[in-house]
Amino acid sequence: MGKIFYIMGKSASGKDTIFRRLLSDGRLGLREWVLYTTRPMRDGEREGVEYHFVTEKQLEEFRRQGKVIEERTYQTVMGPWTYATVDDGQMDLSRADYLACGVLESYQSIRRYLGAGLVVPLYVEVEDGERLRRAWLRERAQAHPRYGEMCRRFLADEEDFSEEKLREAGIGRRYANQDLEACLEEIRQEIRRKR
């Protein structure tokens, strides 16, 4: 039986970069489990790569069909954005291991849905000052920077990834992303060990 390796961390911790690098590592042979969102696509994102970008109406159809495993809606400065994990047939644990990327809340829901033994947490962290710098640089590079939303996400992460919530979720091991290559190697070793 395969496993889902679930990358999570606060905004601008580098989890998306780590996610892409691990997926492209042919030695690991991980398949992607793409989550869904109603938020607009950022510059450089592509449908079905970072997320499946859907309308609220499309997400409602998944709900009606009983396919939504978990979802969260954030009240952003741009309006409500929903993120969801959908059992849409893209995952077959009898054939492969998968890699997914999300937040602590979604990790916990997926673990309850599939069973704790099938979902391996990979929590990436970066010092807050460095995260803020990275977030600002990323936002500044956008055609239409949304600094207010960047700040909202940064502050919301303090609550969403509080030490208490990490303990409740059973997150003990952390991967410090100060040096990307060292962090990636540590995560690769964990994936090989857990298989």
N, C-alpha and C. Protein backbone atom coordinates (compact mmCIF):
# COMPACT_ATOMS: atom_id res chain seq x y z
N MET A 1 0.84 -1.19 0.00
CA MET A 1 0.00 0.00 0.00
C MET A 1 0.88 1.24 0.00
N GLY A 2 0.54 2.18 -0.86
CA GLY A 2 1.30 3.42 -0.97
C GLY A 2 1.02 4.37 0.19
N LYS A 3 1.73 5.48 0.18
CA LYS A 3 1.57 6.51 1.20
C LYS A 3 1.41 7.86 0.52
N ILE A 4 0.86 8.79 1.29
CA ILE A 4 0.79 10.18 0.86
C ILE A 4 1.76 10.96 1.72
N PHE A 5 2.74 11.57 1.10
CA PHE A 5 3.68 12.43 1.80
C PHE A 5 3.13 13.85 1.67
N TYR A 6 2.80 14.43 2.83
CA TYR A 6 2.05 15.68 2.85
C TYR A 6 2.92 16.83 3.34
N ILE A 7 3.30 17.72 2.40
CA ILE A 7 4.13 18.87 2.74
C ILE A 7 3.25 20.00 3.22
N MET A 8 3.67 20.60 4.34
CA MET A 8 2.93 21.76 4.84
C MET A 8 3.89 22.71 5.53
N GLY A 9 3.44 23.92 5.70
CA GLY A 9 4.24 24.94 6.36
C GLY A 9 3.58 26.29 6.18
N LYS A 10 4.06 27.25 6.90
CA LYS A 10 3.52 28.60 6.80
C LYS A 10 3.81 29.17 5.41
N SER A 11 3.10 30.24 5.06
CA SER A 11 3.31 30.87 3.76
C SER A 11 4.77 31.32 3.62
N ALA A 12 5.29 31.20 2.42
CA ALA A 12 6.66 31.59 2.08
C ALA A 12 7.72 30.77 2.82
N SER A 13 7.38 29.55 3.22
CA SER A 13 8.36 28.66 3.85
C SER A 13 9.13 27.86 2.81
N GLY A 14 8.70 27.96 1.55
CA GLY A 14 9.37 27.23 0.48
C GLY A 14 8.73 25.90 0.14
N LYS A 15 7.56 25.64 0.70
CA LYS A 15 6.95 24.32 0.50
C LYS A 15 6.60 24.05 -0.96
N ASP A 16 6.20 25.08 -1.72
CA ASP A 16 5.87 24.85 -3.13
C ASP A 16 7.12 24.50 -3.93
N THR A 17 8.23 25.15 -3.65
CA THR A 17 9.49 24.84 -4.32
C THR A 17 9.93 23.42 -3.97
N ILE A 18 9.85 23.07 -2.70
CA ILE A 18 10.21 21.72 -2.25
C ILE A 18 9.30 20.69 -2.91
N PHE A 19 8.03 20.99 -2.96
CA PHE A 19 7.05 20.12 -3.59
C PHE A 19 7.44 19.84 -5.04
N ARG A 20 7.71 20.89 -5.81
CA ARG A 20 8.07 20.72 -7.23
C ARG A 20 9.37 19.94 -7.39
N ARG A 21 10.34 20.22 -6.55
CA ARG A 21 11.63 19.52 -6.66
C ARG A 21 11.48 18.03 -6.34
N LEU A 22 10.70 17.70 -5.33
CA LEU A 22 10.50 16.29 -4.98
C LEU A 22 9.74 15.56 -6.08
N LEU A 23 8.75 16.22 -6.66
CA LEU A 23 8.00 15.59 -7.75
C LEU A 23 8.88 15.31 -8.95
N SER A 24 9.81 16.19 -9.22
CA SER A 24 10.66 16.03 -10.40
C SER A 24 11.82 15.05 -10.17
N ASP A 25 11.96 14.56 -8.94
CA ASP A 25 13.04 13.62 -8.62
C ASP A 25 12.58 12.20 -9.02
N GLY A 26 13.03 11.76 -10.18
CA GLY A 26 12.62 10.46 -10.71
C GLY A 26 12.97 9.29 -9.81
N ARG A 27 14.01 9.45 -8.98
CA ARG A 27 14.40 8.36 -8.07
C ARG A 27 13.32 8.11 -7.02
N LEU A 28 12.57 9.14 -6.68
CA LEU A 28 11.52 8.97 -5.67
C LEU A 28 10.24 8.40 -6.30
N GLY A 29 9.98 8.73 -7.55
CA GLY A 29 8.81 8.19 -8.25
C GLY A 29 7.49 8.57 -7.62
N LEU A 30 7.40 9.76 -7.05
CA LEU A 30 6.15 10.20 -6.43
C LEU A 30 5.19 10.75 -7.47
N ARG A 31 3.91 10.52 -7.24
CA ARG A 31 2.88 11.11 -8.09
C ARG A 31 2.23 12.27 -7.34
N GLU A 32 1.70 13.18 -8.09
CA GLU A 32 1.11 14.37 -7.50
C GLU A 32 -0.37 14.18 -7.22
N TRP A 33 -0.79 14.68 -6.06
CA TRP A 33 -2.22 14.77 -5.76
C TRP A 33 -2.53 16.25 -5.74
N VAL A 34 -3.22 16.72 -6.77
CA VAL A 34 -3.48 18.14 -6.96
C VAL A 34 -4.77 18.53 -6.23
N LEU A 35 -4.67 19.56 -5.40
CA LEU A 35 -5.82 20.06 -4.66
C LEU A 35 -6.57 21.10 -5.50
N TYR A 36 -7.72 21.52 -5.02
CA TYR A 36 -8.60 22.45 -5.73
C TYR A 36 -8.68 23.78 -5.00
N THR A 37 -8.91 24.86 -5.76
CA THR A 37 -9.13 26.16 -5.15
C THR A 37 -10.02 27.03 -6.04
N THR A 38 -10.73 27.94 -5.37
CA THR A 38 -11.53 28.93 -6.09
C THR A 38 -10.78 30.26 -6.21
N ARG A 39 -9.58 30.33 -5.65
CA ARG A 39 -8.83 31.60 -5.74
C ARG A 39 -8.31 31.79 -7.16
N PRO A 40 -8.06 33.04 -7.54
CA PRO A 40 -7.51 33.26 -8.88
C PRO A 40 -6.08 32.74 -8.99
N MET A 41 -5.71 32.40 -10.21
CA MET A 41 -4.37 31.92 -10.49
C MET A 41 -3.37 33.08 -10.33
N ARG A 42 -2.23 32.79 -9.71
CA ARG A 42 -1.15 33.77 -9.64
C ARG A 42 -0.35 33.73 -10.93
N ASP A 43 0.40 34.79 -11.17
CA ASP A 43 1.30 34.82 -12.33
C ASP A 43 2.22 33.60 -12.26
N GLY A 44 2.34 32.89 -13.37
CA GLY A 44 3.23 31.74 -13.45
C GLY A 44 2.59 30.42 -13.07
N GLU A 45 1.40 30.44 -12.46
CA GLU A 45 0.73 29.18 -12.11
C GLU A 45 0.00 28.63 -13.33
N ARG A 46 -0.23 27.30 -13.29
CA ARG A 46 -0.93 26.64 -14.39
C ARG A 46 -2.00 25.71 -13.84
N GLU A 47 -3.08 25.62 -14.55
CA GLU A 47 -4.18 24.73 -14.18
C GLU A 47 -3.69 23.30 -14.10
N GLY A 48 -4.04 22.63 -12.99
CA GLY A 48 -3.69 21.23 -12.81
C GLY A 48 -2.27 21.00 -12.35
N VAL A 49 -1.52 22.07 -12.15
CA VAL A 49 -0.14 21.93 -11.67
C VAL A 49 -0.10 22.33 -10.20
N GLU A 50 -0.21 23.63 -9.92
CA GLU A 50 -0.25 24.06 -8.51
C GLU A 50 -1.57 23.66 -7.85
N TYR A 51 -2.66 23.89 -8.58
CA TYR A 51 -4.02 23.55 -8.12
C TYR A 51 -4.88 23.29 -9.35
N HIS A 52 -6.06 22.72 -9.08
CA HIS A 52 -7.14 22.77 -10.05
C HIS A 52 -7.91 24.03 -9.68
N PHE A 53 -7.96 24.99 -10.58
CA PHE A 53 -8.65 26.26 -10.33
C PHE A 53 -10.09 26.11 -10.80
N VAL A 54 -11.02 26.20 -9.86
CA VAL A 54 -12.43 25.97 -10.17
C VAL A 54 -13.29 27.13 -9.68
N THR A 55 -14.50 27.17 -10.20
CA THR A 55 -15.47 28.15 -9.72
C THR A 55 -16.20 27.58 -8.50
N GLU A 56 -16.88 28.42 -7.79
CA GLU A 56 -17.69 27.96 -6.65
C GLU A 56 -18.76 26.98 -7.13
N LYS A 57 -19.29 27.21 -8.31
CA LYS A 57 -20.32 26.32 -8.87
C LYS A 57 -19.75 24.92 -9.12
N GLN A 58 -18.52 24.86 -9.66
CA GLN A 58 -17.88 23.56 -9.91
C GLN A 58 -17.59 22.83 -8.59
N LEU A 59 -17.15 23.59 -7.58
CA LEU A 59 -16.89 22.99 -6.28
C LEU A 59 -18.19 22.48 -5.65
N GLU A 60 -19.26 23.20 -5.83
CA GLU A 60 -20.57 22.77 -5.31
C GLU A 60 -20.99 21.44 -5.93
N GLU A 61 -20.67 21.22 -7.18
CA GLU A 61 -21.00 19.96 -7.83
C GLU A 61 -20.23 18.80 -7.19
N PHE A 62 -18.95 19.03 -6.85
CA PHE A 62 -18.19 18.00 -6.13
C PHE A 62 -18.82 17.72 -4.77
N ARG A 63 -19.27 18.76 -4.08
CA ARG A 63 -19.94 18.57 -2.78
C ARG A 63 -21.20 17.72 -2.96
N ARG A 64 -21.99 18.06 -3.97
CA ARG A 64 -23.24 17.34 -4.23
C ARG A 64 -22.97 15.86 -4.49
N GLN A 65 -21.84 15.57 -5.15
CA GLN A 65 -21.48 14.18 -5.46
C GLN A 65 -20.81 13.47 -4.29
N GLY A 66 -20.59 14.17 -3.17
CA GLY A 66 -19.95 13.58 -2.00
C GLY A 66 -18.47 13.33 -2.18
N LYS A 67 -17.81 14.10 -3.03
CA LYS A 67 -16.39 13.88 -3.33
C LYS A 67 -15.45 14.78 -2.55
N VAL A 68 -15.96 15.76 -1.83
CA VAL A 68 -15.09 16.68 -1.10
C VAL A 68 -14.67 16.03 0.22
N ILE A 69 -13.37 15.79 0.38
CA ILE A 69 -12.82 15.21 1.60
C ILE A 69 -12.74 16.26 2.69
N GLU A 70 -12.26 17.44 2.31
CA GLU A 70 -12.15 18.54 3.25
C GLU A 70 -12.08 19.83 2.46
N GLU A 71 -12.48 20.92 3.11
CA GLU A 71 -12.37 22.24 2.49
C GLU A 71 -12.27 23.31 3.55
N ARG A 72 -11.64 24.41 3.15
CA ARG A 72 -11.50 25.57 4.02
C ARG A 72 -11.75 26.80 3.19
N THR A 73 -12.44 27.77 3.78
CA THR A 73 -12.68 29.04 3.11
C THR A 73 -12.05 30.14 3.93
N TYR A 74 -11.26 30.96 3.25
CA TYR A 74 -10.59 32.08 3.90
C TYR A 74 -11.23 33.38 3.42
N GLN A 75 -11.51 34.26 4.35
CA GLN A 75 -12.02 35.58 4.00
C GLN A 75 -10.82 36.46 3.73
N THR A 76 -10.50 36.66 2.46
CA THR A 76 -9.31 37.39 2.06
C THR A 76 -9.68 38.84 1.73
N VAL A 77 -8.69 39.65 1.51
CA VAL A 77 -8.95 41.03 1.11
C VAL A 77 -9.55 41.07 -0.29
N MET A 78 -9.49 39.99 -1.04
CA MET A 78 -10.06 39.89 -2.38
C MET A 78 -11.41 39.18 -2.38
N GLY A 79 -11.92 38.82 -1.22
CA GLY A 79 -13.15 38.06 -1.11
C GLY A 79 -12.86 36.65 -0.64
N PRO A 80 -13.90 35.80 -0.52
CA PRO A 80 -13.69 34.43 -0.02
C PRO A 80 -12.99 33.55 -1.05
N TRP A 81 -11.97 32.80 -0.58
CA TRP A 81 -11.28 31.81 -1.40
C TRP A 81 -11.39 30.47 -0.69
N THR A 82 -11.81 29.45 -1.42
CA THR A 82 -11.95 28.12 -0.86
C THR A 82 -10.87 27.20 -1.43
N TYR A 83 -10.31 26.38 -0.56
CA TYR A 83 -9.35 25.34 -0.94
C TYR A 83 -9.98 24.01 -0.54
N ALA A 84 -9.83 22.99 -1.38
CA ALA A 84 -10.47 21.72 -1.09
C ALA A 84 -9.64 20.54 -1.58
N THR A 85 -9.78 19.43 -0.87
CA THR A 85 -9.23 18.15 -1.30
C THR A 85 -10.40 17.33 -1.79
N VAL A 86 -10.30 16.85 -3.01
CA VAL A 86 -11.42 16.16 -3.65
C VAL A 86 -10.99 14.75 -4.02
N ASP A 87 -11.84 13.79 -3.70
CA ASP A 87 -11.62 12.40 -4.09
C ASP A 87 -12.14 12.24 -5.51
N ASP A 88 -11.30 12.64 -6.47
CA ASP A 88 -11.71 12.71 -7.87
C ASP A 88 -11.14 11.58 -8.73
N GLY A 89 -10.57 10.58 -8.08
CA GLY A 89 -10.05 9.43 -8.82
C GLY A 89 -8.60 9.56 -9.28
N GLN A 90 -7.94 10.66 -8.95
CA GLN A 90 -6.56 10.84 -9.41
C GLN A 90 -5.55 10.06 -8.55
N MET A 91 -6.00 9.50 -7.43
CA MET A 91 -5.08 8.80 -6.53
C MET A 91 -5.44 7.32 -6.43
N ASP A 92 -4.41 6.47 -6.52
CA ASP A 92 -4.57 5.03 -6.36
C ASP A 92 -3.40 4.52 -5.52
N LEU A 93 -3.61 4.41 -4.21
CA LEU A 93 -2.53 4.02 -3.29
C LEU A 93 -2.09 2.57 -3.46
N SER A 94 -2.84 1.78 -4.20
CA SER A 94 -2.40 0.40 -4.45
C SER A 94 -1.29 0.36 -5.50
N ARG A 95 -1.06 1.48 -6.20
CA ARG A 95 -0.08 1.52 -7.28
C ARG A 95 1.08 2.47 -7.08
N ALA A 96 0.93 3.45 -6.18
CA ALA A 96 1.98 4.47 -6.09
C ALA A 96 1.94 5.19 -4.76
N ASP A 97 3.02 5.94 -4.51
CA ASP A 97 3.08 6.90 -3.42
C ASP A 97 2.80 8.28 -4.01
N TYR A 98 2.19 9.13 -3.22
CA TYR A 98 1.78 10.44 -3.70
C TYR A 98 2.40 11.55 -2.85
N LEU A 99 2.45 12.71 -3.47
CA LEU A 99 2.93 13.91 -2.80
C LEU A 99 1.82 14.95 -2.89
N ALA A 100 1.50 15.55 -1.75
CA ALA A 100 0.50 16.62 -1.72
C ALA A 100 1.07 17.77 -0.89
N CYS A 101 0.48 18.93 -1.07
CA CYS A 101 0.96 20.13 -0.37
C CYS A 101 -0.26 20.90 0.11
N GLY A 102 -0.25 21.30 1.37
CA GLY A 102 -1.39 22.04 1.90
C GLY A 102 -1.12 22.59 3.28
N VAL A 103 -2.19 22.74 4.03
CA VAL A 103 -2.10 23.32 5.37
C VAL A 103 -2.39 22.25 6.42
N LEU A 104 -2.13 22.59 7.65
CA LEU A 104 -2.29 21.65 8.76
C LEU A 104 -3.71 21.09 8.84
N GLU A 105 -4.68 21.95 8.68
CA GLU A 105 -6.08 21.53 8.76
C GLU A 105 -6.41 20.48 7.69
N SER A 106 -5.93 20.68 6.47
CA SER A 106 -6.21 19.71 5.42
C SER A 106 -5.47 18.39 5.67
N TYR A 107 -4.25 18.49 6.17
CA TYR A 107 -3.50 17.28 6.52
C TYR A 107 -4.29 16.44 7.52
N GLN A 108 -4.82 17.07 8.56
CA GLN A 108 -5.57 16.34 9.57
C GLN A 108 -6.82 15.69 9.00
N SER A 109 -7.52 16.39 8.12
CA SER A 109 -8.74 15.84 7.51
C SER A 109 -8.41 14.65 6.62
N ILE A 110 -7.35 14.76 5.84
CA ILE A 110 -6.96 13.66 4.96
C ILE A 110 -6.52 12.46 5.78
N ARG A 111 -5.81 12.71 6.86
CA ARG A 111 -5.37 11.62 7.75
C ARG A 111 -6.57 10.91 8.36
N ARG A 112 -7.58 11.66 8.75
CA ARG A 112 -8.81 11.02 9.28
C ARG A 112 -9.53 10.23 8.19
N TYR A 113 -9.56 10.74 7.00
CA TYR A 113 -10.26 10.12 5.87
C TYR A 113 -9.58 8.82 5.43
N LEU A 114 -8.24 8.85 5.33
CA LEU A 114 -7.50 7.70 4.80
C LEU A 114 -6.91 6.79 5.87
N GLY A 115 -6.69 7.35 7.06
CA GLY A 115 -6.02 6.60 8.12
C GLY A 115 -4.64 7.16 8.37
N ALA A 116 -4.29 7.26 9.64
CA ALA A 116 -3.03 7.89 10.04
C ALA A 116 -1.80 7.22 9.44
N GLY A 117 -1.83 5.91 9.26
CA GLY A 117 -0.67 5.20 8.76
C GLY A 117 -0.36 5.45 7.30
N LEU A 118 -1.30 6.04 6.57
CA LEU A 118 -1.09 6.26 5.14
C LEU A 118 -0.61 7.67 4.81
N VAL A 119 -0.67 8.59 5.77
CA VAL A 119 -0.33 9.99 5.50
C VAL A 119 0.87 10.38 6.36
N VAL A 120 1.95 10.77 5.70
CA VAL A 120 3.20 11.12 6.39
C VAL A 120 3.38 12.64 6.34
N PRO A 121 3.44 13.31 7.50
CA PRO A 121 3.60 14.76 7.51
C PRO A 121 5.04 15.18 7.25
N LEU A 122 5.20 16.22 6.44
CA LEU A 122 6.50 16.82 6.18
C LEU A 122 6.35 18.32 6.43
N TYR A 123 6.65 18.74 7.66
CA TYR A 123 6.44 20.14 8.05
C TYR A 123 7.70 20.95 7.82
N VAL A 124 7.61 21.94 6.93
CA VAL A 124 8.74 22.80 6.56
C VAL A 124 8.61 24.12 7.31
N GLU A 125 9.74 24.57 7.89
CA GLU A 125 9.68 25.85 8.60
C GLU A 125 10.87 26.74 8.26
N VAL A 126 10.63 28.03 8.38
CA VAL A 126 11.62 29.07 8.14
C VAL A 126 11.38 30.15 9.18
N GLU A 127 12.45 30.77 9.63
CA GLU A 127 12.36 31.86 10.60
C GLU A 127 11.44 32.95 10.05
N ASP A 128 10.61 33.53 10.93
CA ASP A 128 9.56 34.46 10.50
C ASP A 128 10.07 35.66 9.71
N GLY A 129 11.17 36.26 10.10
CA GLY A 129 11.70 37.41 9.36
C GLY A 129 12.08 37.04 7.94
N GLU A 130 12.68 35.87 7.77
CA GLU A 130 13.03 35.40 6.44
C GLU A 130 11.78 35.08 5.63
N ARG A 131 10.78 34.50 6.26
CA ARG A 131 9.52 34.21 5.56
C ARG A 131 8.89 35.50 5.05
N LEU A 132 8.87 36.53 5.89
CA LEU A 132 8.27 37.80 5.51
C LEU A 132 9.03 38.41 4.32
N ARG A 133 10.34 38.33 4.34
CA ARG A 133 11.15 38.83 3.23
C ARG A 133 10.83 38.07 1.95
N ARG A 134 10.76 36.74 2.03
CA ARG A 134 10.45 35.93 0.86
C ARG A 134 9.05 36.24 0.32
N ALA A 135 8.08 36.40 1.24
CA ALA A 135 6.71 36.68 0.83
C ALA A 135 6.64 38.02 0.10
N TRP A 136 7.34 39.01 0.63
CA TRP A 136 7.34 40.34 0.02
C TRP A 136 7.95 40.29 -1.38
N LEU A 137 9.08 39.58 -1.53
CA LEU A 137 9.72 39.47 -2.84
C LEU A 137 8.81 38.76 -3.84
N ARG A 138 8.14 37.71 -3.40
CA ARG A 138 7.24 36.97 -4.28
C ARG A 138 6.07 37.85 -4.71
N GLU A 139 5.50 38.57 -3.76
CA GLU A 139 4.35 39.42 -4.06
C GLU A 139 4.75 40.58 -4.96
N ARG A 140 5.89 41.14 -4.70
CA ARG A 140 6.39 42.27 -5.49
C ARG A 140 6.56 41.88 -6.96
N ALA A 141 6.87 40.62 -7.23
CA ALA A 141 7.08 40.14 -8.60
C ALA A 141 5.77 39.92 -9.36
N GLN A 142 4.64 39.96 -8.68
CA GLN A 142 3.35 39.75 -9.33
C GLN A 142 2.97 40.97 -10.17
N ALA A 143 2.21 40.77 -11.23
CA ALA A 143 1.75 41.89 -12.06
C ALA A 143 0.87 42.84 -11.24
N HIS A 144 0.10 42.29 -10.34
CA HIS A 144 -0.77 43.08 -9.47
C HIS A 144 -0.56 42.63 -8.02
N PRO A 145 0.47 43.15 -7.37
CA PRO A 145 0.76 42.72 -5.99
C PRO A 145 -0.43 42.95 -5.06
N ARG A 146 -0.64 42.00 -4.17
CA ARG A 146 -1.71 42.07 -3.16
C ARG A 146 -1.06 42.01 -1.79
N TYR A 147 -0.45 43.11 -1.40
CA TYR A 147 0.30 43.15 -0.15
C TYR A 147 -0.61 42.94 1.06
N GLY A 148 -1.83 43.44 0.99
CA GLY A 148 -2.76 43.24 2.10
C GLY A 148 -3.05 41.77 2.33
N GLU A 149 -3.25 41.03 1.24
CA GLU A 149 -3.50 39.59 1.36
C GLU A 149 -2.24 38.87 1.85
N MET A 150 -1.08 39.32 1.41
CA MET A 150 0.18 38.74 1.89
C MET A 150 0.27 38.89 3.41
N CYS A 151 -0.05 40.08 3.91
CA CYS A 151 0.01 40.32 5.35
C CYS A 151 -1.04 39.50 6.10
N ARG A 152 -2.25 39.38 5.54
CA ARG A 152 -3.30 38.58 6.18
C ARG A 152 -2.85 37.14 6.32
N ARG A 153 -2.26 36.57 5.25
CA ARG A 153 -1.79 35.18 5.30
C ARG A 153 -0.69 35.01 6.34
N PHE A 154 0.23 35.95 6.35
CA PHE A 154 1.36 35.87 7.28
C PHE A 154 0.84 35.85 8.72
N LEU A 155 -0.08 36.72 9.06
CA LEU A 155 -0.62 36.77 10.42
C LEU A 155 -1.50 35.57 10.73
N ALA A 156 -2.28 35.11 9.77
CA ALA A 156 -3.15 33.95 9.99
C ALA A 156 -2.34 32.69 10.27
N ASP A 157 -1.14 32.61 9.69
CA ASP A 157 -0.29 31.44 9.91
C ASP A 157 0.10 31.26 11.38
N GLU A 158 0.21 32.36 12.11
CA GLU A 158 0.56 32.27 13.53
C GLU A 158 -0.48 31.45 14.29
N GLU A 159 -1.73 31.62 13.93
CA GLU A 159 -2.81 30.86 14.56
C GLU A 159 -2.91 29.46 13.95
N ASP A 160 -2.90 29.39 12.62
CA ASP A 160 -3.11 28.12 11.93
C ASP A 160 -2.02 27.09 12.22
N PHE A 161 -0.80 27.56 12.44
CA PHE A 161 0.33 26.67 12.72
C PHE A 161 0.90 26.92 14.11
N SER A 162 0.03 27.19 15.05
CA SER A 162 0.50 27.42 16.43
C SER A 162 1.14 26.14 16.97
N GLU A 163 2.01 26.30 17.94
CA GLU A 163 2.66 25.13 18.54
C GLU A 163 1.63 24.16 19.10
N GLU A 164 0.57 24.68 19.68
CA GLU A 164 -0.48 23.82 20.23
C GLU A 164 -1.12 22.98 19.13
N LYS A 165 -1.45 23.61 18.01
CA LYS A 165 -2.08 22.87 16.90
C LYS A 165 -1.12 21.85 16.29
N LEU A 166 0.15 22.22 16.20
CA LEU A 166 1.14 21.25 15.68
C LEU A 166 1.24 20.03 16.59
N ARG A 167 1.24 20.26 17.90
CA ARG A 167 1.28 19.13 18.86
C ARG A 167 0.03 18.27 18.71
N GLU A 168 -1.14 18.90 18.65
CA GLU A 168 -2.40 18.16 18.51
C GLU A 168 -2.42 17.30 17.25
N ALA A 169 -1.77 17.79 16.19
CA ALA A 169 -1.73 17.05 14.93
C ALA A 169 -0.64 15.98 14.90
N GLY A 170 0.14 15.91 15.98
CA GLY A 170 1.21 14.92 16.03
C GLY A 170 2.43 15.28 15.20
N ILE A 171 2.61 16.57 14.92
CA ILE A 171 3.76 17.01 14.15
C ILE A 171 4.93 17.19 15.11
N GLY A 172 5.90 16.33 15.00
CA GLY A 172 7.08 16.43 15.84
C GLY A 172 8.28 16.85 15.02
N ARG A 173 8.51 16.11 13.96
CA ARG A 173 9.68 16.38 13.13
C ARG A 173 9.43 17.59 12.24
N ARG A 174 10.48 18.42 12.13
CA ARG A 174 10.41 19.62 11.29
C ARG A 174 11.61 19.65 10.38
N TYR A 175 11.42 20.27 9.23
CA TYR A 175 12.47 20.39 8.23
C TYR A 175 12.76 21.87 8.03
N ALA A 176 13.92 22.32 8.52
CA ALA A 176 14.30 23.73 8.42
C ALA A 176 14.76 24.04 7.00
N ASN A 177 14.14 25.01 6.38
CA ASN A 177 14.47 25.36 5.01
C ASN A 177 15.33 26.63 4.96
N GLN A 178 16.46 26.58 5.62
CA GLN A 178 17.44 27.67 5.51
C GLN A 178 18.33 27.43 4.30
N ASP A 179 18.66 26.17 4.07
CA ASP A 179 19.46 25.75 2.92
C ASP A 179 18.59 24.75 2.15
N LEU A 180 18.10 25.16 1.00
CA LEU A 180 17.15 24.35 0.25
C LEU A 180 17.67 22.95 -0.04
N GLU A 181 18.90 22.82 -0.49
CA GLU A 181 19.42 21.50 -0.86
C GLU A 181 19.53 20.57 0.35
N ALA A 182 19.97 21.12 1.49
CA ALA A 182 20.05 20.30 2.71
C ALA A 182 18.66 19.88 3.17
N CYS A 183 17.71 20.79 3.08
CA CYS A 183 16.33 20.48 3.48
C CYS A 183 15.76 19.39 2.58
N LEU A 184 15.96 19.53 1.27
CA LEU A 184 15.47 18.52 0.33
C LEU A 184 16.06 17.15 0.62
N GLU A 185 17.36 17.09 0.90
CA GLU A 185 17.99 15.80 1.16
C GLU A 185 17.44 15.16 2.43
N GLU A 186 17.20 15.96 3.44
CA GLU A 186 16.63 15.44 4.69
C GLU A 186 15.23 14.87 4.44
N ILE A 187 14.44 15.55 3.63
CA ILE A 187 13.09 15.07 3.31
C ILE A 187 13.15 13.82 2.45
N ARG A 188 14.06 13.78 1.48
CA ARG A 188 14.22 12.57 0.65
C ARG A 188 14.54 11.36 1.51
N GLN A 189 15.43 11.53 2.47
CA GLN A 189 15.78 10.42 3.36
C GLN A 189 14.56 9.96 4.15
N GLU A 190 13.74 10.90 4.61
CA GLU A 190 12.53 10.52 5.35
C GLU A 190 11.56 9.76 4.48
N ILE A 191 11.40 10.20 3.23
CA ILE A 191 10.50 9.50 2.32
C ILE A 191 10.98 8.07 2.08
N ARG A 192 12.26 7.89 1.84
CA ARG A 192 12.80 6.54 1.64
C ARG A 192 12.61 5.67 2.89
N ARG A 193 12.81 6.27 4.04
CA ARG A 193 12.68 5.54 5.30
C ARG A 193 11.24 5.09 5.57
N LYS A 194 10.27 5.93 5.21
CA LYS A 194 8.86 5.64 5.50
C LYS A 194 8.22 4.69 4.50
N ARG A 195 8.86 4.45 3.38
CA ARG A 195 8.25 3.57 2.36
C ARG A 195 8.22 2.14 2.80
